[in-house]
């Protein structure tokens, strides 16, 4: 394995802000936990790490004894096939978990997928046992975590529908809108504009297309005046128009 693909983070240090001042506190699953108070969150957190772009963060088949939450950067959750091909299952954004299975089961277990950093990333790690206690600390806490999990499962459901029933423009439009909406909720997209570090092969493996088809599809959406994509920045020029394309079969 090359140095750029080495497993796990390059550093494991407690370099992040105190939980009481962390800006990520309003995002994703962390927001669900935040109602229990910063002290409880700090008690559940037992580490923080950084990793460089392309690093493997988790590997399929490995035992998982912790829950990791992305604080900065992008990552992808991947199912690796025996012949070397892969399926990108989801894009992990700030506030999201790597270890969705661990939260679903609320126990230690074996990961069924691999997670890779698309950019340099920062993430916090939480004890599975402590997170279990946090989730069950109140009915409200349990409800908030269930809402987060339902939102994640809904993303998978929409992606499966796209792969099975929609042509390339509809698949791409849905993905671009999904990323925009998730990033906008986190304050990371504004006026239809957001950073887009995913490469064409990442998009291809997410949408079941070839990189050539991805290039053609993006060009088609650009020619229709719906998007502009340049130097890692995505601009949704006509969100309503993209929503129409997203519903096309």
C-alpha atoms as a PDB file:
ATOM      1  CA  UNK A   1       0.000   0.000   0.000  1.00  0.00           C
ATOM      2  CA  UNK A   2       1.378   3.405  -0.972  1.00  0.00           C
ATOM      3  CA  UNK A   3       2.066   6.129   1.551  1.00  0.00           C
ATOM      4  CA  UNK A   4      -0.920   8.088   0.259  1.00  0.00           C
ATOM      5  CA  UNK A   5      -3.210   5.114   0.871  1.00  0.00           C
ATOM      6  CA  UNK A   6      -1.952   4.057   4.268  1.00  0.00           C
ATOM      7  CA  UNK A   7      -4.584   2.959   6.718  1.00  0.00           C
ATOM      8  CA  UNK A   8      -5.976   5.224   9.405  1.00  0.00           C
ATOM      9  CA  UNK A   9      -4.832   8.652  10.396  1.00  0.00           C
ATOM     10  CA  UNK A  10      -1.346  10.069  10.324  1.00  0.00           C
ATOM     11  CA  UNK A  11      -1.787  11.614  13.760  1.00  0.00           C
ATOM     12  CA  UNK A  12      -4.040  10.845  16.692  1.00  0.00           C
ATOM     13  CA  UNK A  13      -4.023  13.835  18.979  1.00  0.00           C
ATOM     14  CA  UNK A  14      -6.546  15.758  21.032  1.00  0.00           C
ATOM     15  CA  UNK A  15      -6.197  18.863  18.874  1.00  0.00           C
ATOM     16  CA  UNK A  16      -9.815  19.948  18.592  1.00  0.00           C
ATOM     17  CA  UNK A  17     -11.763  22.577  20.542  1.00  0.00           C
ATOM     18  CA  UNK A  18     -13.515  21.804  23.762  1.00  0.00           C
ATOM     19  CA  UNK A  19     -16.926  20.221  23.110  1.00  0.00           C
ATOM     20  CA  UNK A  20     -18.548  23.292  24.645  1.00  0.00           C
ATOM     21  CA  UNK A  21     -17.135  25.555  21.929  1.00  0.00           C
ATOM     22  CA  UNK A  22     -16.931  23.203  18.945  1.00  0.00           C
ATOM     23  CA  UNK A  23     -18.725  24.638  15.912  1.00  0.00           C
ATOM     24  CA  UNK A  24     -19.699  21.148  14.765  1.00  0.00           C
ATOM     25  CA  UNK A  25     -22.062  20.883  17.744  1.00  0.00           C
ATOM     26  CA  UNK A  26     -25.057  21.891  15.635  1.00  0.00           C
ATOM     27  CA  UNK A  27     -24.446  19.345  12.883  1.00  0.00           C
ATOM     28  CA  UNK A  28     -25.556  15.831  12.087  1.00  0.00           C
ATOM     29  CA  UNK A  29     -25.543  13.252  14.828  1.00  0.00           C
ATOM     30  CA  UNK A  30     -23.589  15.588  17.088  1.00  0.00           C
ATOM     31  CA  UNK A  31     -26.605  17.891  17.152  1.00  0.00           C
ATOM     32  CA  UNK A  32     -28.680  14.984  18.412  1.00  0.00           C
ATOM     33  CA  UNK A  33     -26.234  14.433  21.234  1.00  0.00           C
ATOM     34  CA  UNK A  34     -25.785  18.097  22.013  1.00  0.00           C
ATOM     35  CA  UNK A  35     -29.070  18.391  23.903  1.00  0.00           C
ATOM     36  CA  UNK A  36     -27.566  16.214  26.627  1.00  0.00           C
ATOM     37  CA  UNK A  37     -25.017  18.934  27.295  1.00  0.00           C
ATOM     38  CA  UNK A  38     -21.410  19.475  26.375  1.00  0.00           C
ATOM     39  CA  UNK A  39     -20.182  17.712  29.509  1.00  0.00           C
ATOM     40  CA  UNK A  40     -21.880  14.469  28.492  1.00  0.00           C
ATOM     41  CA  UNK A  41     -20.502  14.738  24.964  1.00  0.00           C
ATOM     42  CA  UNK A  42     -17.002  15.397  26.251  1.00  0.00           C
ATOM     43  CA  UNK A  43     -17.330  12.341  28.455  1.00  0.00           C
ATOM     44  CA  UNK A  44     -18.284  10.172  25.488  1.00  0.00           C
ATOM     45  CA  UNK A  45     -15.479  11.486  23.309  1.00  0.00           C
ATOM     46  CA  UNK A  46     -12.184   9.706  23.831  1.00  0.00           C
ATOM     47  CA  UNK A  47     -10.040  10.982  21.001  1.00  0.00           C
ATOM     48  CA  UNK A  48      -9.557  13.086  17.906  1.00  0.00           C
ATOM     49  CA  UNK A  49      -7.563  12.424  14.762  1.00  0.00           C
ATOM     50  CA  UNK A  50      -6.550  13.871  11.433  1.00  0.00           C
ATOM     51  CA  UNK A  51      -5.932  12.038   8.176  1.00  0.00           C
ATOM     52  CA  UNK A  52      -4.697  13.097   4.785  1.00  0.00           C
ATOM     53  CA  UNK A  53      -6.669  12.851   1.558  1.00  0.00           C
ATOM     54  CA  UNK A  54      -7.004   9.278   0.223  1.00  0.00           C
ATOM     55  CA  UNK A  55      -6.247   7.675   3.605  1.00  0.00           C
ATOM     56  CA  UNK A  56      -8.305   4.627   4.584  1.00  0.00           C
ATOM     57  CA  UNK A  57     -10.244   5.479   7.731  1.00  0.00           C
ATOM     58  CA  UNK A  58     -12.029   2.169   8.231  1.00  0.00           C
ATOM     59  CA  UNK A  59     -11.674  -1.144   6.443  1.00  0.00           C
ATOM     60  CA  UNK A  60     -14.369  -3.715   5.687  1.00  0.00           C
ATOM     61  CA  UNK A  61     -14.146  -6.777   7.906  1.00  0.00           C
ATOM     62  CA  UNK A  62     -12.361  -5.048  10.758  1.00  0.00           C
ATOM     63  CA  UNK A  63     -13.658  -4.981  14.299  1.00  0.00           C
ATOM     64  CA  UNK A  64     -15.139  -1.597  15.223  1.00  0.00           C
ATOM     65  CA  UNK A  65     -15.069  -0.606  18.887  1.00  0.00           C
ATOM     66  CA  UNK A  66     -15.753   3.101  18.484  1.00  0.00           C
ATOM     67  CA  UNK A  67     -17.959   5.585  16.687  1.00  0.00           C
ATOM     68  CA  UNK A  68     -16.300   8.286  14.590  1.00  0.00           C
ATOM     69  CA  UNK A  69     -17.809  11.605  13.570  1.00  0.00           C
ATOM     70  CA  UNK A  70     -16.381  13.761  10.795  1.00  0.00           C
ATOM     71  CA  UNK A  71     -15.529  17.274  11.903  1.00  0.00           C
ATOM     72  CA  UNK A  72     -13.936  18.686   8.759  1.00  0.00           C
ATOM     73  CA  UNK A  73     -13.506  17.545   5.150  1.00  0.00           C
ATOM     74  CA  UNK A  74     -15.206  14.892   2.972  1.00  0.00           C
ATOM     75  CA  UNK A  75     -15.034  11.102   2.982  1.00  0.00           C
ATOM     76  CA  UNK A  76     -16.794   8.270   1.142  1.00  0.00           C
ATOM     77  CA  UNK A  77     -18.294   4.995   2.345  1.00  0.00           C
ATOM     78  CA  UNK A  78     -17.411   2.237  -0.132  1.00  0.00           C
ATOM     79  CA  UNK A  79     -18.346  -1.394  -0.803  1.00  0.00           C
ATOM     80  CA  UNK A  80     -15.345  -3.066  -2.450  1.00  0.00           C
ATOM     81  CA  UNK A  81     -16.054  -5.913  -4.873  1.00  0.00           C
ATOM     82  CA  UNK A  82     -13.857  -8.987  -5.276  1.00  0.00           C
ATOM     83  CA  UNK A  83     -12.860  -8.016  -8.827  1.00  0.00           C
ATOM     84  CA  UNK A  84     -11.537  -4.629  -7.697  1.00  0.00           C
ATOM     85  CA  UNK A  85     -14.565  -2.572  -8.628  1.00  0.00           C
ATOM     86  CA  UNK A  86     -16.335  -0.543  -5.974  1.00  0.00           C
ATOM     87  CA  UNK A  87     -19.686   1.055  -5.184  1.00  0.00           C
ATOM     88  CA  UNK A  88     -19.668   4.402  -3.402  1.00  0.00           C
ATOM     89  CA  UNK A  89     -22.518   4.053  -0.924  1.00  0.00           C
ATOM     90  CA  UNK A  90     -22.524   7.590   0.426  1.00  0.00           C
ATOM     91  CA  UNK A  91     -20.612  10.815   0.821  1.00  0.00           C
ATOM     92  CA  UNK A  92     -19.705  11.603   4.425  1.00  0.00           C
ATOM     93  CA  UNK A  93     -19.878  15.305   5.288  1.00  0.00           C
ATOM     94  CA  UNK A  94     -19.034  17.246   8.471  1.00  0.00           C
ATOM     95  CA  UNK A  95     -21.363  16.139  11.257  1.00  0.00           C
ATOM     96  CA  UNK A  96     -21.849  12.630   9.801  1.00  0.00           C
ATOM     97  CA  UNK A  97     -20.713   9.298  11.211  1.00  0.00           C
ATOM     98  CA  UNK A  98     -18.303   6.862   9.622  1.00  0.00           C
ATOM     99  CA  UNK A  99     -19.592   3.994  11.752  1.00  0.00           C
ATOM    100  CA  UNK A 100     -23.290   4.017  10.976  1.00  0.00           C
ATOM    101  CA  UNK A 101     -23.592   0.317  11.788  1.00  0.00           C
ATOM    102  CA  UNK A 102     -22.129   0.875  15.243  1.00  0.00           C
ATOM    103  CA  UNK A 103     -24.777   3.489  15.978  1.00  0.00           C
ATOM    104  CA  UNK A 104     -27.557   1.333  14.555  1.00  0.00           C
ATOM    105  CA  UNK A 105     -26.522  -1.647  16.669  1.00  0.00           C
ATOM    106  CA  UNK A 106     -25.179   0.446  19.550  1.00  0.00           C
ATOM    107  CA  UNK A 107     -22.575  -2.232  20.084  1.00  0.00           C
ATOM    108  CA  UNK A 108     -19.169  -3.255  18.869  1.00  0.00           C
ATOM    109  CA  UNK A 109     -19.095  -5.252  15.669  1.00  0.00           C
ATOM    110  CA  UNK A 110     -17.502  -5.790  12.270  1.00  0.00           C
ATOM    111  CA  UNK A 111     -17.695  -3.142   9.575  1.00  0.00           C
ATOM    112  CA  UNK A 112     -19.112  -4.256   6.239  1.00  0.00           C
ATOM    113  CA  UNK A 113     -17.674  -1.365   4.248  1.00  0.00           C
ATOM    114  CA  UNK A 114     -14.540   0.743   3.829  1.00  0.00           C
ATOM    115  CA  UNK A 115     -14.286   4.484   4.480  1.00  0.00           C
ATOM    116  CA  UNK A 116     -11.786   6.646   2.585  1.00  0.00           C
ATOM    117  CA  UNK A 117     -10.949  10.326   2.971  1.00  0.00           C
ATOM    118  CA  UNK A 118     -11.596  12.402  -0.148  1.00  0.00           C
ATOM    119  CA  UNK A 119      -9.847  15.421   1.374  1.00  0.00           C
ATOM    120  CA  UNK A 120      -7.715  16.015   4.424  1.00  0.00           C
ATOM    121  CA  UNK A 121     -10.090  15.278   7.303  1.00  0.00           C
ATOM    122  CA  UNK A 122     -10.484  15.805  11.025  1.00  0.00           C
ATOM    123  CA  UNK A 123     -12.700  13.597  13.133  1.00  0.00           C
ATOM    124  CA  UNK A 124     -13.623  12.800  16.732  1.00  0.00           C
ATOM    125  CA  UNK A 125     -13.965   9.308  18.177  1.00  0.00           C
ATOM    126  CA  UNK A 126     -16.555   8.267  20.731  1.00  0.00           C
ATOM    127  CA  UNK A 127     -16.802   5.237  22.939  1.00  0.00           C
ATOM    128  CA  UNK A 128     -19.582   2.926  21.742  1.00  0.00           C
ATOM    129  CA  UNK A 129     -20.554   2.203  25.343  1.00  0.00           C
ATOM    130  CA  UNK A 130     -20.640   5.890  26.266  1.00  0.00           C
ATOM    131  CA  UNK A 131     -22.643   6.745  23.162  1.00  0.00           C
ATOM    132  CA  UNK A 132     -25.116   3.983  24.024  1.00  0.00           C
ATOM    133  CA  UNK A 133     -25.572   5.556  27.442  1.00  0.00           C
ATOM    134  CA  UNK A 134     -26.000   8.994  25.884  1.00  0.00           C
ATOM    135  CA  UNK A 135     -28.651   7.793  23.446  1.00  0.00           C
ATOM    136  CA  UNK A 136     -30.588   6.170  26.279  1.00  0.00           C
ATOM    137  CA  UNK A 137     -30.219   9.048  28.710  1.00  0.00           C
ATOM    138  CA  UNK A 138     -33.735  10.268  27.883  1.00  0.00           C
ATOM    139  CA  UNK A 139     -36.686   9.677  25.571  1.00  0.00           C
ATOM    140  CA  UNK A 140     -35.857  12.898  23.770  1.00  0.00           C
ATOM    141  CA  UNK A 141     -32.285  11.778  23.196  1.00  0.00           C
ATOM    142  CA  UNK A 142     -33.464   8.476  21.778  1.00  0.00           C
ATOM    143  CA  UNK A 143     -35.914  10.257  19.466  1.00  0.00           C
ATOM    144  CA  UNK A 144     -33.226  12.610  18.148  1.00  0.00           C
ATOM    145  CA  UNK A 145     -30.855   9.774  17.318  1.00  0.00           C
ATOM    146  CA  UNK A 146     -33.650   7.848  15.632  1.00  0.00           C
ATOM    147  CA  UNK A 147     -34.422  10.913  13.503  1.00  0.00           C
ATOM    148  CA  UNK A 148     -30.782  11.125  12.435  1.00  0.00           C
ATOM    149  CA  UNK A 149     -30.679   7.432  11.536  1.00  0.00           C
ATOM    150  CA  UNK A 150     -33.934   7.685   9.588  1.00  0.00           C
ATOM    151  CA  UNK A 151     -32.497  10.563   7.553  1.00  0.00           C
ATOM    152  CA  UNK A 152     -29.443   8.455   6.698  1.00  0.00           C
ATOM    153  CA  UNK A 153     -31.565   5.473   5.685  1.00  0.00           C
ATOM    154  CA  UNK A 154     -33.724   7.760   3.521  1.00  0.00           C
ATOM    155  CA  UNK A 155     -30.596   8.807   1.624  1.00  0.00           C
ATOM    156  CA  UNK A 156     -29.831   5.152   0.857  1.00  0.00           C
ATOM    157  CA  UNK A 157     -33.403   4.597  -0.288  1.00  0.00           C
ATOM    158  CA  UNK A 158     -33.317   7.505  -2.699  1.00  0.00           C
ATOM    159  CA  UNK A 159     -29.956   6.411  -4.071  1.00  0.00           C
ATOM    160  CA  UNK A 160     -31.277   2.890  -4.737  1.00  0.00           C
ATOM    161  CA  UNK A 161     -34.283   4.339  -6.559  1.00  0.00           C
ATOM    162  CA  UNK A 162     -32.007   6.480  -8.703  1.00  0.00           C
ATOM    163  CA  UNK A 163     -29.746   3.549  -9.595  1.00  0.00           C
ATOM    164  CA  UNK A 164     -32.661   1.317 -10.507  1.00  0.00           C
ATOM    165  CA  UNK A 165     -35.088   3.700 -12.168  1.00  0.00           C
ATOM    166  CA  UNK A 166     -33.471   6.928 -13.392  1.00  0.00           C
ATOM    167  CA  UNK A 167     -31.308   7.844 -16.355  1.00  0.00           C
ATOM    168  CA  UNK A 168     -27.945   9.541 -15.900  1.00  0.00           C
ATOM    169  CA  UNK A 169     -29.200  13.179 -15.799  1.00  0.00           C
ATOM    170  CA  UNK A 170     -31.753  12.343 -13.096  1.00  0.00           C
ATOM    171  CA  UNK A 171     -29.187  10.464 -11.012  1.00  0.00           C
ATOM    172  CA  UNK A 172     -26.720  13.335 -11.235  1.00  0.00           C
ATOM    173  CA  UNK A 173     -29.324  16.001 -10.489  1.00  0.00           C
ATOM    174  CA  UNK A 174     -30.499  14.121  -7.403  1.00  0.00           C
ATOM    175  CA  UNK A 175     -26.950  13.726  -6.099  1.00  0.00           C
ATOM    176  CA  UNK A 176     -26.061  17.384  -6.653  1.00  0.00           C
ATOM    177  CA  UNK A 177     -29.259  18.491  -4.915  1.00  0.00           C
ATOM    178  CA  UNK A 178     -28.709  16.046  -2.040  1.00  0.00           C
ATOM    179  CA  UNK A 179     -25.176  17.310  -1.424  1.00  0.00           C
ATOM    180  CA  UNK A 180     -26.323  20.927  -1.661  1.00  0.00           C
ATOM    181  CA  UNK A 181     -29.155  20.428   0.814  1.00  0.00           C
ATOM    182  CA  UNK A 182     -27.012  18.554   3.332  1.00  0.00           C
ATOM    183  CA  UNK A 183     -24.216  21.117   3.101  1.00  0.00           C
ATOM    184  CA  UNK A 184     -26.666  24.035   3.325  1.00  0.00           C
ATOM    185  CA  UNK A 185     -28.061  22.599   6.570  1.00  0.00           C
ATOM    186  CA  UNK A 186     -24.508  22.709   7.915  1.00  0.00           C
ATOM    187  CA  UNK A 187     -23.808  26.236   6.692  1.00  0.00           C
ATOM    188  CA  UNK A 188     -21.370  24.909   4.064  1.00  0.00           C
ATOM    189  CA  UNK A 189     -23.377  25.874   0.972  1.00  0.00           C
ATOM    190  CA  UNK A 190     -24.865  29.243   0.144  1.00  0.00           C
ATOM    191  CA  UNK A 191     -26.868  30.507  -2.824  1.00  0.00           C
ATOM    192  CA  UNK A 192     -26.452  27.171  -4.582  1.00  0.00           C
ATOM    193  CA  UNK A 193     -22.647  27.212  -4.354  1.00  0.00           C
ATOM    194  CA  UNK A 194     -20.484  24.644  -2.552  1.00  0.00           C
ATOM    195  CA  UNK A 195     -17.062  23.061  -2.691  1.00  0.00           C
ATOM    196  CA  UNK A 196     -17.118  19.726  -4.535  1.00  0.00           C
ATOM    197  CA  UNK A 197     -13.937  17.684  -3.959  1.00  0.00           C
ATOM    198  CA  UNK A 198     -15.378  14.464  -5.389  1.00  0.00           C
ATOM    199  CA  UNK A 199     -13.638  13.381  -8.594  1.00  0.00           C
ATOM    200  CA  UNK A 200     -15.387  12.049 -11.668  1.00  0.00           C
ATOM    201  CA  UNK A 201     -14.497   8.454 -10.774  1.00  0.00           C
ATOM    202  CA  UNK A 202     -16.038   8.960  -7.308  1.00  0.00           C
ATOM    203  CA  UNK A 203     -19.235  10.252  -8.917  1.00  0.00           C
ATOM    204  CA  UNK A 204     -19.168   7.401 -11.428  1.00  0.00           C
ATOM    205  CA  UNK A 205     -18.907   4.773  -8.688  1.00  0.00           C
ATOM    206  CA  UNK A 206     -21.703   6.469  -6.732  1.00  0.00           C
ATOM    207  CA  UNK A 207     -24.104   6.644  -9.680  1.00  0.00           C
ATOM    208  CA  UNK A 208     -23.307   3.397 -11.508  1.00  0.00           C
ATOM    209  CA  UNK A 209     -21.895   5.178 -14.545  1.00  0.00           C
ATOM    210  CA  UNK A 210     -18.519   5.439 -16.262  1.00  0.00           C
ATOM    211  CA  UNK A 211     -16.285   8.510 -15.828  1.00  0.00           C
ATOM    212  CA  UNK A 212     -16.863   9.298 -19.513  1.00  0.00           C
ATOM    213  CA  UNK A 213     -20.630   9.214 -18.949  1.00  0.00           C
ATOM    214  CA  UNK A 214     -20.226  11.431 -15.863  1.00  0.00           C
ATOM    215  CA  UNK A 215     -18.311  13.988 -17.927  1.00  0.00           C
ATOM    216  CA  UNK A 216     -20.981  13.920 -20.633  1.00  0.00           C
ATOM    217  CA  UNK A 217     -23.797  14.253 -18.082  1.00  0.00           C
ATOM    218  CA  UNK A 218     -22.195  17.208 -16.289  1.00  0.00           C
ATOM    219  CA  UNK A 219     -21.579  18.883 -19.641  1.00  0.00           C
ATOM    220  CA  UNK A 220     -25.220  18.369 -20.589  1.00  0.00           C
ATOM    221  CA  UNK A 221     -26.479  19.946 -17.359  1.00  0.00           C
ATOM    222  CA  UNK A 222     -24.079  22.854 -17.881  1.00  0.00           C
ATOM    223  CA  UNK A 223     -25.284  23.393 -21.460  1.00  0.00           C
ATOM    224  CA  UNK A 224     -28.880  23.523 -20.209  1.00  0.00           C
ATOM    225  CA  UNK A 225     -27.893  26.339 -17.847  1.00  0.00           C
ATOM    226  CA  UNK A 226     -28.538  24.269 -14.712  1.00  0.00           C
ATOM    227  CA  UNK A 227     -25.038  24.059 -13.224  1.00  0.00           C
ATOM    228  CA  UNK A 228     -21.507  25.292 -13.502  1.00  0.00           C
ATOM    229  CA  UNK A 229     -18.578  23.270 -12.170  1.00  0.00           C
ATOM    230  CA  UNK A 230     -15.067  24.639 -12.173  1.00  0.00           C
ATOM    231  CA  UNK A 231     -11.954  24.082 -10.044  1.00  0.00           C
ATOM    232  CA  UNK A 232     -13.726  22.075  -7.390  1.00  0.00           C
ATOM    233  CA  UNK A 233     -16.637  24.493  -6.934  1.00  0.00           C
ATOM    234  CA  UNK A 234     -20.184  23.450  -7.850  1.00  0.00           C
ATOM    235  CA  UNK A 235     -22.738  26.142  -8.681  1.00  0.00           C
ATOM    236  CA  UNK A 236     -26.388  25.184  -8.977  1.00  0.00           C
ATOM    237  CA  UNK A 237     -27.676  27.906 -11.296  1.00  0.00           C
ATOM    238  CA  UNK A 238     -31.286  26.705 -11.520  1.00  0.00           C
ATOM    239  CA  UNK A 239     -32.329  24.589  -8.543  1.00  0.00           C
ATOM    240  CA  UNK A 240     -35.936  24.300  -9.689  1.00  0.00           C
ATOM    241  CA  UNK A 241     -34.766  23.132 -13.101  1.00  0.00           C
ATOM    242  CA  UNK A 242     -32.538  20.515 -11.454  1.00  0.00           C
ATOM    243  CA  UNK A 243     -35.490  19.317  -9.363  1.00  0.00           C
ATOM    244  CA  UNK A 244     -37.439  18.732 -12.578  1.00  0.00           C
ATOM    245  CA  UNK A 245     -34.545  16.750 -14.074  1.00  0.00           C
ATOM    246  CA  UNK A 246     -34.221  14.778 -10.835  1.00  0.00           C
ATOM    247  CA  UNK A 247     -37.743  13.419 -11.292  1.00  0.00           C
ATOM    248  CA  UNK A 248     -37.190  12.307 -14.865  1.00  0.00           C
ATOM    249  CA  UNK A 249     -36.975   8.547 -15.405  1.00  0.00           C
END
